[in-house]
C-alpha atoms as a PDB file:
ATOM      1  CA  MET A   1     130.313 117.878 108.758  1.00  0.00           C
ATOM      2  CA  THR A   2     129.114 121.288 107.582  1.00  0.00           C
ATOM      3  CA  THR A   3     127.395 123.602 110.026  1.00  0.00           C
ATOM      4  CA  TYR A   4     124.700 124.474 107.503  1.00  0.00           C
ATOM      5  CA  THR A   5     121.148 123.121 107.763  1.00  0.00           C
ATOM      6  CA  HIS A   6     118.075 123.286 105.563  1.00  0.00           C
ATOM      7  CA  GLN A   7     117.266 126.680 107.062  1.00  0.00           C
ATOM      8  CA  THR A   8     120.757 128.202 106.849  1.00  0.00           C
ATOM      9  CA  ALA A   9     122.418 126.718 103.752  1.00  0.00           C
ATOM     10  CA  PRO A  10     123.158 129.552 101.309  1.00  0.00           C
ATOM     11  CA  THR A  11     121.818 129.491  97.779  1.00  0.00           C
ATOM     12  CA  GLN A  12     124.696 128.917  95.366  1.00  0.00           C
ATOM     13  CA  PHE A  13     124.914 128.840  91.576  1.00  0.00           C
ATOM     14  CA  VAL A  14     126.733 126.747  89.001  1.00  0.00           C
ATOM     15  CA  GLU A  15     126.631 127.061  85.219  1.00  0.00           C
ATOM     16  CA  ALA A  16     126.182 124.260  82.694  1.00  0.00           C
ATOM     17  CA  ASN A  17     124.812 124.223  79.142  1.00  0.00           C
ATOM     18  CA  GLY A  18     124.228 127.972  79.365  1.00  0.00           C
ATOM     19  CA  ILE A  19     121.997 127.558  82.438  1.00  0.00           C
ATOM     20  CA  ARG A  20     122.718 129.078  85.835  1.00  0.00           C
ATOM     21  CA  PHE A  21     121.438 126.443  88.265  1.00  0.00           C
ATOM     22  CA  ALA A  22     120.482 127.481  91.815  1.00  0.00           C
ATOM     23  CA  TYR A  23     121.227 124.947  94.539  1.00  0.00           C
ATOM     24  CA  ARG A  24     121.869 124.428  98.235  1.00  0.00           C
ATOM     25  CA  ARG A  25     124.081 121.710  99.690  1.00  0.00           C
ATOM     26  CA  PHE A  26     124.653 120.735 103.299  1.00  0.00           C
ATOM     27  CA  GLY A  27     125.196 117.761 105.556  1.00  0.00           C
ATOM     28  CA  ASN A  28     127.830 115.096 106.082  1.00  0.00           C
ATOM     29  CA  PRO A  29     130.300 115.118 103.155  1.00  0.00           C
ATOM     30  CA  ARG A  30     131.141 111.421 103.537  1.00  0.00           C
ATOM     31  CA  GLY A  31     129.865 108.933 100.991  1.00  0.00           C
ATOM     32  CA  VAL A  32     127.561 109.455  98.041  1.00  0.00           C
ATOM     33  CA  PRO A  33     125.597 112.750  97.886  1.00  0.00           C
ATOM     34  CA  LEU A  34     121.803 112.643  97.687  1.00  0.00           C
ATOM     35  CA  VAL A  35     120.262 114.952  95.067  1.00  0.00           C
ATOM     36  CA  PHE A  36     116.618 116.046  95.509  1.00  0.00           C
ATOM     37  CA  SER A  37     114.255 116.901  92.621  1.00  0.00           C
ATOM     38  CA  PRO A  38     110.861 118.358  93.676  1.00  0.00           C
ATOM     39  CA  HIS A  39     107.223 118.151  92.612  1.00  0.00           C
ATOM     40  CA  TYR A  40     105.294 120.294  90.113  1.00  0.00           C
ATOM     41  CA  THR A  41     105.941 124.004  90.839  1.00  0.00           C
ATOM     42  CA  GLY A  42     108.332 123.047  93.660  1.00  0.00           C
ATOM     43  CA  THR A  43     111.447 125.075  94.474  1.00  0.00           C
ATOM     44  CA  LEU A  44     114.352 124.864  96.926  1.00  0.00           C
ATOM     45  CA  ASP A  45     111.903 125.772  99.706  1.00  0.00           C
ATOM     46  CA  TYR A  46     109.295 123.093  99.031  1.00  0.00           C
ATOM     47  CA  TRP A  47     111.062 120.341 100.975  1.00  0.00           C
ATOM     48  CA  ASP A  48     110.462 119.342 104.590  1.00  0.00           C
ATOM     49  CA  PRO A  49     113.440 120.300 106.800  1.00  0.00           C
ATOM     50  CA  ALA A  50     112.662 117.262 108.980  1.00  0.00           C
ATOM     51  CA  VAL A  51     113.431 115.072 105.951  1.00  0.00           C
ATOM     52  CA  THR A  52     116.379 116.962 104.470  1.00  0.00           C
ATOM     53  CA  ASP A  53     118.133 117.609 107.810  1.00  0.00           C
ATOM     54  CA  GLY A  54     117.399 114.057 108.917  1.00  0.00           C
ATOM     55  CA  LEU A  55     119.007 112.539 105.840  1.00  0.00           C
ATOM     56  CA  ALA A  56     121.874 115.073 105.942  1.00  0.00           C
ATOM     57  CA  LYS A  57     123.179 113.512 109.169  1.00  0.00           C
ATOM     58  CA  ASN A  58     124.772 110.676 107.198  1.00  0.00           C
ATOM     59  CA  ARG A  59     125.355 112.190 103.761  1.00  0.00           C
ATOM     60  CA  GLU A  60     125.516 115.412 101.836  1.00  0.00           C
ATOM     61  CA  VAL A  61     122.136 116.658 100.633  1.00  0.00           C
ATOM     62  CA  ILE A  62     121.856 118.710  97.449  1.00  0.00           C
ATOM     63  CA  LEU A  63     118.661 120.598  96.608  1.00  0.00           C
ATOM     64  CA  PHE A  64     118.454 122.249  93.196  1.00  0.00           C
ATOM     65  CA  ASN A  65     116.167 124.124  90.836  1.00  0.00           C
ATOM     66  CA  ASN A  66     116.159 122.670  87.350  1.00  0.00           C
ATOM     67  CA  ALA A  67     116.347 124.894  84.266  1.00  0.00           C
ATOM     68  CA  GLY A  68     113.761 127.690  84.268  1.00  0.00           C
ATOM     69  CA  VAL A  69     112.562 126.904  87.791  1.00  0.00           C
ATOM     70  CA  SER A  70     112.470 129.792  90.269  1.00  0.00           C
ATOM     71  CA  SER A  71     115.978 131.208  90.757  1.00  0.00           C
ATOM     72  CA  SER A  72     117.593 129.098  88.015  1.00  0.00           C
ATOM     73  CA  SER A  73     117.966 130.654  84.588  1.00  0.00           C
ATOM     74  CA  GLY A  74     116.842 129.240  81.269  1.00  0.00           C
ATOM     75  CA  GLN A  75     113.476 127.826  80.249  1.00  0.00           C
ATOM     76  CA  VAL A  76     111.542 124.839  81.531  1.00  0.00           C
ATOM     77  CA  PRO A  77     111.529 122.204  78.748  1.00  0.00           C
ATOM     78  CA  THR A  78     108.244 120.664  77.672  1.00  0.00           C
ATOM     79  CA  SER A  79     109.539 117.103  77.957  1.00  0.00           C
ATOM     80  CA  VAL A  80     110.654 115.158  81.004  1.00  0.00           C
ATOM     81  CA  GLN A  81     113.576 113.712  79.052  1.00  0.00           C
ATOM     82  CA  GLU A  82     114.968 117.225  78.451  1.00  0.00           C
ATOM     83  CA  MET A  83     114.500 118.014  82.145  1.00  0.00           C
ATOM     84  CA  ALA A  84     116.546 114.908  82.937  1.00  0.00           C
ATOM     85  CA  ALA A  85     119.302 116.038  80.554  1.00  0.00           C
ATOM     86  CA  ASN A  86     119.458 119.357  82.415  1.00  0.00           C
ATOM     87  CA  ALA A  87     119.622 117.551  85.776  1.00  0.00           C
ATOM     88  CA  ILE A  88     122.548 115.509  84.477  1.00  0.00           C
ATOM     89  CA  ALA A  89     124.325 118.675  83.341  1.00  0.00           C
ATOM     90  CA  PHE A  90     123.818 120.210  86.793  1.00  0.00           C
ATOM     91  CA  ILE A  91     125.221 117.172  88.623  1.00  0.00           C
ATOM     92  CA  LYS A  92     128.258 116.980  86.361  1.00  0.00           C
ATOM     93  CA  ALA A  93     128.854 120.721  86.728  1.00  0.00           C
ATOM     94  CA  LEU A  94     129.326 120.113  90.461  1.00  0.00           C
ATOM     95  CA  GLY A  95     132.130 117.691  89.594  1.00  0.00           C
ATOM     96  CA  LEU A  96     130.182 114.686  90.890  1.00  0.00           C
ATOM     97  CA  THR A  97     130.617 111.280  89.285  1.00  0.00           C
ATOM     98  CA  LYS A  98     128.203 109.259  91.444  1.00  0.00           C
ATOM     99  CA  VAL A  99     125.027 110.341  93.264  1.00  0.00           C
ATOM    100  CA  ASP A 100     121.905 108.932  94.827  1.00  0.00           C
ATOM    101  CA  PHE A 101     118.768 110.625  93.511  1.00  0.00           C
ATOM    102  CA  LEU A 102     115.440 111.321  95.253  1.00  0.00           C
ATOM    103  CA  GLY A 103     112.663 112.428  92.928  1.00  0.00           C
ATOM    104  CA  TRP A 104     109.172 113.382  94.066  1.00  0.00           C
ATOM    105  CA  SER A 105     106.234 113.561  91.638  1.00  0.00           C
ATOM    106  CA  ILE A 106     107.601 115.136  88.422  1.00  0.00           C
ATOM    107  CA  GLY A 107     111.004 114.868  90.098  1.00  0.00           C
ATOM    108  CA  GLY A 108     110.497 111.092  90.175  1.00  0.00           C
ATOM    109  CA  MET A 109     109.766 111.095  86.446  1.00  0.00           C
ATOM    110  CA  ILE A 110     112.997 113.033  85.900  1.00  0.00           C
ATOM    111  CA  ALA A 111     114.842 110.486  88.053  1.00  0.00           C
ATOM    112  CA  GLN A 112     113.668 107.623  85.842  1.00  0.00           C
ATOM    113  CA  GLU A 113     114.761 109.455  82.695  1.00  0.00           C
ATOM    114  CA  ILE A 114     118.275 110.123  83.985  1.00  0.00           C
ATOM    115  CA  ILE A 115     119.088 106.417  83.825  1.00  0.00           C
ATOM    116  CA  PRO A 116     118.774 105.915  80.029  1.00  0.00           C
ATOM    117  CA  GLN A 117     120.933 109.001  79.479  1.00  0.00           C
ATOM    118  CA  ALA A 118     123.553 108.642  82.237  1.00  0.00           C
ATOM    119  CA  GLY A 119     122.967 105.448  84.173  1.00  0.00           C
ATOM    120  CA  ASP A 120     126.523 105.320  85.517  1.00  0.00           C
ATOM    121  CA  LEU A 121     125.914 108.603  87.331  1.00  0.00           C
ATOM    122  CA  VAL A 122     123.266 107.188  89.692  1.00  0.00           C
ATOM    123  CA  ARG A 123     123.897 104.588  92.394  1.00  0.00           C
ATOM    124  CA  ARG A 124     120.394 104.308  93.952  1.00  0.00           C
ATOM    125  CA  LEU A 125     116.977 105.857  93.367  1.00  0.00           C
ATOM    126  CA  ILE A 126     114.179 106.940  95.696  1.00  0.00           C
ATOM    127  CA  LEU A 127     110.907 107.577  93.854  1.00  0.00           C
ATOM    128  CA  VAL A 128     108.184 109.295  95.907  1.00  0.00           C
ATOM    129  CA  GLY A 129     104.583 109.903  94.817  1.00  0.00           C
ATOM    130  CA  THR A 130     105.320 109.372  91.154  1.00  0.00           C
ATOM    131  CA  GLY A 131     104.528 107.102  88.240  1.00  0.00           C
ATOM    132  CA  PRO A 132     105.996 105.598  85.092  1.00  0.00           C
ATOM    133  CA  ARG A 133     105.520 106.698  81.525  1.00  0.00           C
ATOM    134  CA  GLY A 134     101.883 106.179  80.584  1.00  0.00           C
ATOM    135  CA  ALA A 135     100.756 106.250  84.241  1.00  0.00           C
ATOM    136  CA  ASP A 136      97.093 105.627  85.077  1.00  0.00           C
ATOM    137  CA  MET A 137      95.756 109.055  86.044  1.00  0.00           C
ATOM    138  CA  SER A 138      92.056 108.170  85.730  1.00  0.00           C
ATOM    139  CA  THR A 139      91.338 108.734  89.436  1.00  0.00           C
ATOM    140  CA  SER A 140      93.648 111.724  89.929  1.00  0.00           C
ATOM    141  CA  LYS A 141      92.100 114.757  91.642  1.00  0.00           C
ATOM    142  CA  ILE A 142      94.600 117.264  90.232  1.00  0.00           C
ATOM    143  CA  PRO A 143      91.999 119.396  88.368  1.00  0.00           C
ATOM    144  CA  GLU A 144      89.715 119.691  91.398  1.00  0.00           C
ATOM    145  CA  ILE A 145      92.521 120.449  93.829  1.00  0.00           C
ATOM    146  CA  PHE A 146      94.174 123.153  91.741  1.00  0.00           C
ATOM    147  CA  ALA A 147      90.812 124.719  90.893  1.00  0.00           C
ATOM    148  CA  GLY A 148      89.985 125.118  94.581  1.00  0.00           C
ATOM    149  CA  VAL A 149      90.158 128.279  96.682  1.00  0.00           C
ATOM    150  CA  TYR A 150      92.229 128.080  99.869  1.00  0.00           C
ATOM    151  CA  ASP A 151      92.470 130.441 102.827  1.00  0.00           C
ATOM    152  CA  PRO A 152      95.338 130.817 103.431  1.00  0.00           C
ATOM    153  CA  PRO A 153      96.645 129.872  99.959  1.00  0.00           C
ATOM    154  CA  GLU A 154      99.296 127.567 101.472  1.00  0.00           C
ATOM    155  CA  HIS A 155      96.500 125.196 102.485  1.00  0.00           C
ATOM    156  CA  ILE A 156      96.423 123.920  98.915  1.00  0.00           C
ATOM    157  CA  TRP A 157      99.291 121.715 100.105  1.00  0.00           C
ATOM    158  CA  LEU A 158      97.069 120.226 102.813  1.00  0.00           C
ATOM    159  CA  ALA A 159      94.617 119.159 100.110  1.00  0.00           C
ATOM    160  CA  SER A 160      97.239 117.864  97.686  1.00  0.00           C
ATOM    161  CA  HIS A 161      99.772 116.318 100.087  1.00  0.00           C
ATOM    162  CA  PHE A 162      97.740 115.056 103.082  1.00  0.00           C
ATOM    163  CA  SER A 163      94.534 113.103 103.688  1.00  0.00           C
ATOM    164  CA  PRO A 164      91.372 114.688 105.158  1.00  0.00           C
ATOM    165  CA  SER A 165      91.690 112.858 108.506  1.00  0.00           C
ATOM    166  CA  ALA A 166      92.365 114.876 111.651  1.00  0.00           C
ATOM    167  CA  SER A 167      95.738 113.201 112.234  1.00  0.00           C
ATOM    168  CA  SER A 168      96.948 113.686 108.672  1.00  0.00           C
ATOM    169  CA  ARG A 169      95.770 117.293 108.621  1.00  0.00           C
ATOM    170  CA  ALA A 170      97.616 117.946 111.888  1.00  0.00           C
ATOM    171  CA  ALA A 171     100.764 116.468 110.352  1.00  0.00           C
ATOM    172  CA  GLY A 172     100.219 118.733 107.344  1.00  0.00           C
ATOM    173  CA  LEU A 173      99.963 121.855 109.477  1.00  0.00           C
ATOM    174  CA  ALA A 174     103.160 120.869 111.290  1.00  0.00           C
ATOM    175  CA  PHE A 175     104.864 120.399 107.911  1.00  0.00           C
ATOM    176  CA  LEU A 176     103.756 123.848 106.722  1.00  0.00           C
ATOM    177  CA  GLU A 177     105.211 125.400 109.867  1.00  0.00           C
ATOM    178  CA  ARG A 178     108.547 123.703 109.223  1.00  0.00           C
ATOM    179  CA  LYS A 179     108.445 124.518 105.520  1.00  0.00           C
ATOM    180  CA  LEU A 180     107.763 128.229 106.019  1.00  0.00           C
ATOM    181  CA  ALA A 181     110.350 128.791 108.762  1.00  0.00           C
ATOM    182  CA  ARG A 182     113.057 129.931 106.328  1.00  0.00           C
ATOM    183  CA  LYS A 183     112.833 133.673 105.658  1.00  0.00           C
ATOM    184  CA  ASP A 184     115.111 134.159 102.602  1.00  0.00           C
ATOM    185  CA  ARG A 185     112.883 132.113 100.366  1.00  0.00           C
ATOM    186  CA  ASP A 186     113.199 131.155  96.717  1.00  0.00           C
ATOM    187  CA  PRO A 187     110.906 132.961  94.244  1.00  0.00           C
ATOM    188  CA  GLU A 188     107.738 131.140  93.241  1.00  0.00           C
ATOM    189  CA  LEU A 189     107.526 129.512  89.823  1.00  0.00           C
ATOM    190  CA  SER A 190     106.290 131.680  86.963  1.00  0.00           C
ATOM    191  CA  GLU A 191     103.043 130.709  85.227  1.00  0.00           C
ATOM    192  CA  GLU A 192     105.033 130.161  82.013  1.00  0.00           C
ATOM    193  CA  ALA A 193     107.302 127.673  83.788  1.00  0.00           C
ATOM    194  CA  ALA A 194     104.355 125.913  85.423  1.00  0.00           C
ATOM    195  CA  ALA A 195     102.607 125.596  82.039  1.00  0.00           C
ATOM    196  CA  ALA A 196     105.720 123.981  80.539  1.00  0.00           C
ATOM    197  CA  GLN A 197     105.845 121.506  83.429  1.00  0.00           C
ATOM    198  CA  ARG A 198     102.174 120.642  82.892  1.00  0.00           C
ATOM    199  CA  GLU A 199     102.785 120.008  79.205  1.00  0.00           C
ATOM    200  CA  ALA A 200     105.746 117.762  80.002  1.00  0.00           C
ATOM    201  CA  ILE A 201     103.694 115.753  82.505  1.00  0.00           C
ATOM    202  CA  GLN A 202     100.833 115.298  80.043  1.00  0.00           C
ATOM    203  CA  LYS A 203     103.238 114.013  77.399  1.00  0.00           C
ATOM    204  CA  TYR A 204     104.883 111.683  79.904  1.00  0.00           C
ATOM    205  CA  PHE A 205     101.631 110.086  80.986  1.00  0.00           C
ATOM    206  CA  ALA A 206     100.261 109.617  77.468  1.00  0.00           C
ATOM    207  CA  PRO A 207      99.421 105.926  76.850  1.00  0.00           C
ATOM    208  CA  ALA A 208     101.409 104.028  74.236  1.00  0.00           C
ATOM    209  CA  GLU A 209     102.181 100.474  73.210  1.00  0.00           C
ATOM    210  CA  GLY A 210     105.002  98.979  75.298  1.00  0.00           C
ATOM    211  CA  VAL A 211     105.148 102.146  77.380  1.00  0.00           C
ATOM    212  CA  LEU A 212     106.588 100.348  80.425  1.00  0.00           C
ATOM    213  CA  ASP A 213     109.373  98.511  78.597  1.00  0.00           C
ATOM    214  CA  TYR A 214     112.005 101.089  79.565  1.00  0.00           C
ATOM    215  CA  LEU A 215     111.670 100.205  83.254  1.00  0.00           C
ATOM    216  CA  LYS A 216     113.431  96.849  82.833  1.00  0.00           C
ATOM    217  CA  ASP A 217     116.654  98.729  82.069  1.00  0.00           C
ATOM    218  CA  ILE A 218     116.602 100.710  85.340  1.00  0.00           C
ATOM    219  CA  ARG A 219     118.604  98.222  87.409  1.00  0.00           C
ATOM    220  CA  GLN A 220     119.725 100.498  90.223  1.00  0.00           C
ATOM    221  CA  PRO A 221     118.323  99.554  93.640  1.00  0.00           C
ATOM    222  CA  THR A 222     115.148 101.619  93.914  1.00  0.00           C
ATOM    223  CA  LEU A 223     112.924 102.531  96.841  1.00  0.00           C
ATOM    224  CA  VAL A 224     109.379 103.428  95.772  1.00  0.00           C
ATOM    225  CA  VAL A 225     107.414 105.393  98.401  1.00  0.00           C
ATOM    226  CA  ASN A 226     103.832 106.629  98.506  1.00  0.00           C
ATOM    227  CA  GLY A 227     100.757 107.150 100.626  1.00  0.00           C
ATOM    228  CA  SER A 228      97.926 104.644 100.734  1.00  0.00           C
ATOM    229  CA  ASN A 229      95.725 107.092  98.777  1.00  0.00           C
ATOM    230  CA  ASP A 230      97.698 109.461  96.571  1.00  0.00           C
ATOM    231  CA  VAL A 231      95.081 111.684  94.932  1.00  0.00           C
ATOM    232  CA  MET A 232      97.616 113.423  92.687  1.00  0.00           C
ATOM    233  CA  VAL A 233      99.514 110.514  91.076  1.00  0.00           C
ATOM    234  CA  PRO A 234      97.302 107.584  92.140  1.00  0.00           C
ATOM    235  CA  THR A 235      98.987 105.016  94.374  1.00  0.00           C
ATOM    236  CA  VAL A 236      98.459 102.173  91.899  1.00  0.00           C
ATOM    237  CA  ASN A 237     101.258 103.700  89.816  1.00  0.00           C
ATOM    238  CA  SER A 238     103.753 103.104  92.629  1.00  0.00           C
ATOM    239  CA  TYR A 239     102.798  99.436  92.587  1.00  0.00           C
ATOM    240  CA  VAL A 240     103.252  99.359  88.807  1.00  0.00           C
ATOM    241  CA  LEU A 241     106.742 100.822  89.245  1.00  0.00           C
ATOM    242  CA  GLN A 242     107.717  98.217  91.829  1.00  0.00           C
ATOM    243  CA  GLN A 243     106.378  95.358  89.716  1.00  0.00           C
ATOM    244  CA  ASN A 244     108.200  96.465  86.561  1.00  0.00           C
ATOM    245  CA  LEU A 245     111.516  97.726  87.943  1.00  0.00           C
ATOM    246  CA  PRO A 246     113.905  94.768  88.292  1.00  0.00           C
ATOM    247  CA  ASN A 247     115.372  95.875  91.612  1.00  0.00           C
ATOM    248  CA  ALA A 248     112.735  97.776  93.581  1.00  0.00           C
ATOM    249  CA  GLN A 249     110.962  97.692  96.926  1.00  0.00           C
ATOM    250  CA  LEU A 250     107.772  99.523  97.858  1.00  0.00           C
ATOM    251  CA  ILE A 251     106.681 101.320 101.029  1.00  0.00           C
ATOM    252  CA  LEU A 252     103.093 102.547 101.447  1.00  0.00           C
ATOM    253  CA  TYR A 253     102.217 104.733 104.424  1.00  0.00           C
ATOM    254  CA  PRO A 254      98.701 104.504 105.921  1.00  0.00           C
ATOM    255  CA  ASP A 255      96.138 107.331 105.805  1.00  0.00           C
ATOM    256  CA  ALA A 256      98.579 109.250 103.615  1.00  0.00           C
ATOM    257  CA  ASN A 257      98.530 111.119 100.331  1.00  0.00           C
ATOM    258  CA  HIS A 258     101.019 112.613  97.855  1.00  0.00           C
ATOM    259  CA  GLY A 259     103.212 114.042 100.641  1.00  0.00           C
ATOM    260  CA  SER A 260     103.408 110.789 102.599  1.00  0.00           C
ATOM    261  CA  PHE A 261     107.056 111.213 103.566  1.00  0.00           C
ATOM    262  CA  PHE A 262     106.275 114.601 105.114  1.00  0.00           C
ATOM    263  CA  GLN A 263     103.494 113.034 107.168  1.00  0.00           C
ATOM    264  CA  TYR A 264     105.918 110.448 108.585  1.00  0.00           C
ATOM    265  CA  PRO A 265     109.271 112.264 108.342  1.00  0.00           C
ATOM    266  CA  GLU A 266     111.114 110.403 111.107  1.00  0.00           C
ATOM    267  CA  LEU A 267     109.981 107.007 109.840  1.00  0.00           C
ATOM    268  CA  PHE A 268     110.808 107.887 106.241  1.00  0.00           C
ATOM    269  CA  VAL A 269     114.275 109.170 107.186  1.00  0.00           C
ATOM    270  CA  SER A 270     114.978 105.938 109.075  1.00  0.00           C
ATOM    271  CA  GLN A 271     113.848 103.718 106.209  1.00  0.00           C
ATOM    272  CA  ALA A 272     115.479 105.805 103.481  1.00  0.00           C
ATOM    273  CA  ASP A 273     118.711 105.925 105.462  1.00  0.00           C
ATOM    274  CA  GLN A 274     118.671 102.138 105.818  1.00  0.00           C
ATOM    275  CA  PHE A 275     118.049 101.762 102.094  1.00  0.00           C
ATOM    276  CA  LEU A 276     120.872 104.143 101.193  1.00  0.00           C
ATOM    277  CA  THR A 277     123.449 102.699 103.585  1.00  0.00           C
ATOM    278  CA  SER A 278     122.769  98.945 103.499  1.00  0.00           C
ATOM    279  CA  ALA A 279     124.724  96.726 101.138  1.00  0.00           C
ATOM    280  CA  LEU A 280     122.253  95.700  98.447  1.00  0.00           C
ATOM    281  CA  GLN A 281     122.508  93.271  95.608  1.00  0.00           C
ATOM    282  CA  GLY A 282     122.628  95.218  92.371  1.00  0.00           C
ATOM    283  CA  ASP A 283     124.619  98.230  93.575  1.00  0.00           C
ATOM    284  CA  ASP A 284     126.678  97.963  90.396  1.00  0.00           C
ATOM    285  CA  ALA A 285     123.431  98.368  88.394  1.00  0.00           C
ATOM    286  CA  ASN A 286     124.393  95.279  86.386  1.00  0.00           C
ATOM    287  CA  LEU A 287     121.504  93.017  87.343  1.00  0.00           C
ATOM    288  CA  GLN A 288     119.835  91.101  84.572  1.00  0.00           C
ATOM    289  CA  SER A 289     116.199  92.115  84.233  1.00  0.00           C
ATOM    290  CA  SER A 290     115.063  88.708  85.519  1.00  0.00           C
ATOM    291  CA  GLU A 291     116.975  88.984  88.820  1.00  0.00           C
ATOM    292  CA  ARG A 292     115.201  90.158  91.963  1.00  0.00           C
ATOM    293  CA  LEU A 293     116.405  91.292  95.351  1.00  0.00           C
ATOM    294  CA  PRO A 294     116.112  89.011  98.403  1.00  0.00           C
ATOM    295  CA  PHE A 295     114.389  91.643 100.567  1.00  0.00           C
ATOM    296  CA  PRO A 296     110.580  91.949 100.770  1.00  0.00           C
ATOM    297  CA  SER A 297     109.247  93.928  97.832  1.00  0.00           C
ATOM    298  CA  ILE A 298     106.325  95.536  99.670  1.00  0.00           C
ATOM    299  CA  ILE A 299     106.330  97.079 103.114  1.00  0.00           C
ATOM    300  CA  SER A 300     103.016  98.524 104.272  1.00  0.00           C
ATOM    301  CA  GLU A 301     103.380 100.439 107.535  1.00  0.00           C
ATOM    302  CA  ARG A 302     100.274  99.869 109.639  1.00  0.00           C
ATOM    303  CA  GLU A 303     101.371 100.150 113.230  1.00  0.00           C
ATOM    304  CA  PHE A 304     103.275 102.988 114.794  1.00  0.00           C
ATOM    305  CA  SER A 305     104.326 103.627 118.372  1.00  0.00           C
END
C-alpha cells in the first residue's frame, strides 16, 4: 500500500506517441488498476478525493491528463476516437496490460471508444454522466450554464454538477472544499484545448443511422451511473446505454445531477467497489450480444440512512 493519497500523490510524466502525459497514481497495488478520465475541461484536480481515496483502498488509482489537457503536452484531438487512441497509448506506456476504466462525461465517451480499438486492455467499465454516440441532448442546459456568471467562479460546478435543492447544494459545497484542498494544482485547460473538446463532443453526439450499433460489441461488465436529472448529458442517455450494452447495470441517484457520484461519494464508492471486486459473468468480455447478466439491471437509490 502506498502512503500517497489524492492530496499528496506527486504528478509524474510518461511519454508515448510523442506526448508527455501527466498522471498521478496511488492506492493499493493489488489487483487491476482503475484509470480515471474526467469531464469537459477537467484536469487531475477535478476529481473528488472522497471518491478517489475511497476506491484506492482496494486498488491502485490512476488519474491522467489526456493529450493537450493541462500539464500534458500535445494537442487535444477533435474526435473522441483519437482521444481514446491517446488514452490507450498512455496506459500501455505505463506497462499495463489490463485495467478497469472510469470515464465521466467526455471521459465516458472516451471509455466507450477504447473498446473497439483495444478491447483486451479493459476488464470492466464505469460510465458516469455520459451518453452514447448520437446522444439525445435536446434538454441539455449546457449553453445556459456555461453562459452564466458565478461568484465565486467555482460555483459553476454547483450549477452543472448538483441540483438546486438545499441538500444537493450543501453536498456540492462540501465537494468544492474537498476538491480545492490540494495546493499544488494542475493548470487550467487552455481555451484552444476546450474548443477542441467541444468540437469532439459535437461530432460524437451527431445523429446518424444505426448510431447505437457499436454498443453491442462492448461486452465488458459495465456500471452506468447518473443522477436522476442530469442537466448536462440528460439522464435518458444513461438508460439508453444500459439498454443497448449487452452486459450493463444502471444506478440512478435521487435529487442528483451530472456530479451524482460526488453528491453520494460513500455510497458510490461502496457500490463501485462491489462492482469491481465481485465475480461477474462476462469478465472475459466474450459474451454474445444476446446474453444478459443475472443481476438487476436498474438500481434506483431512494432511501438513505
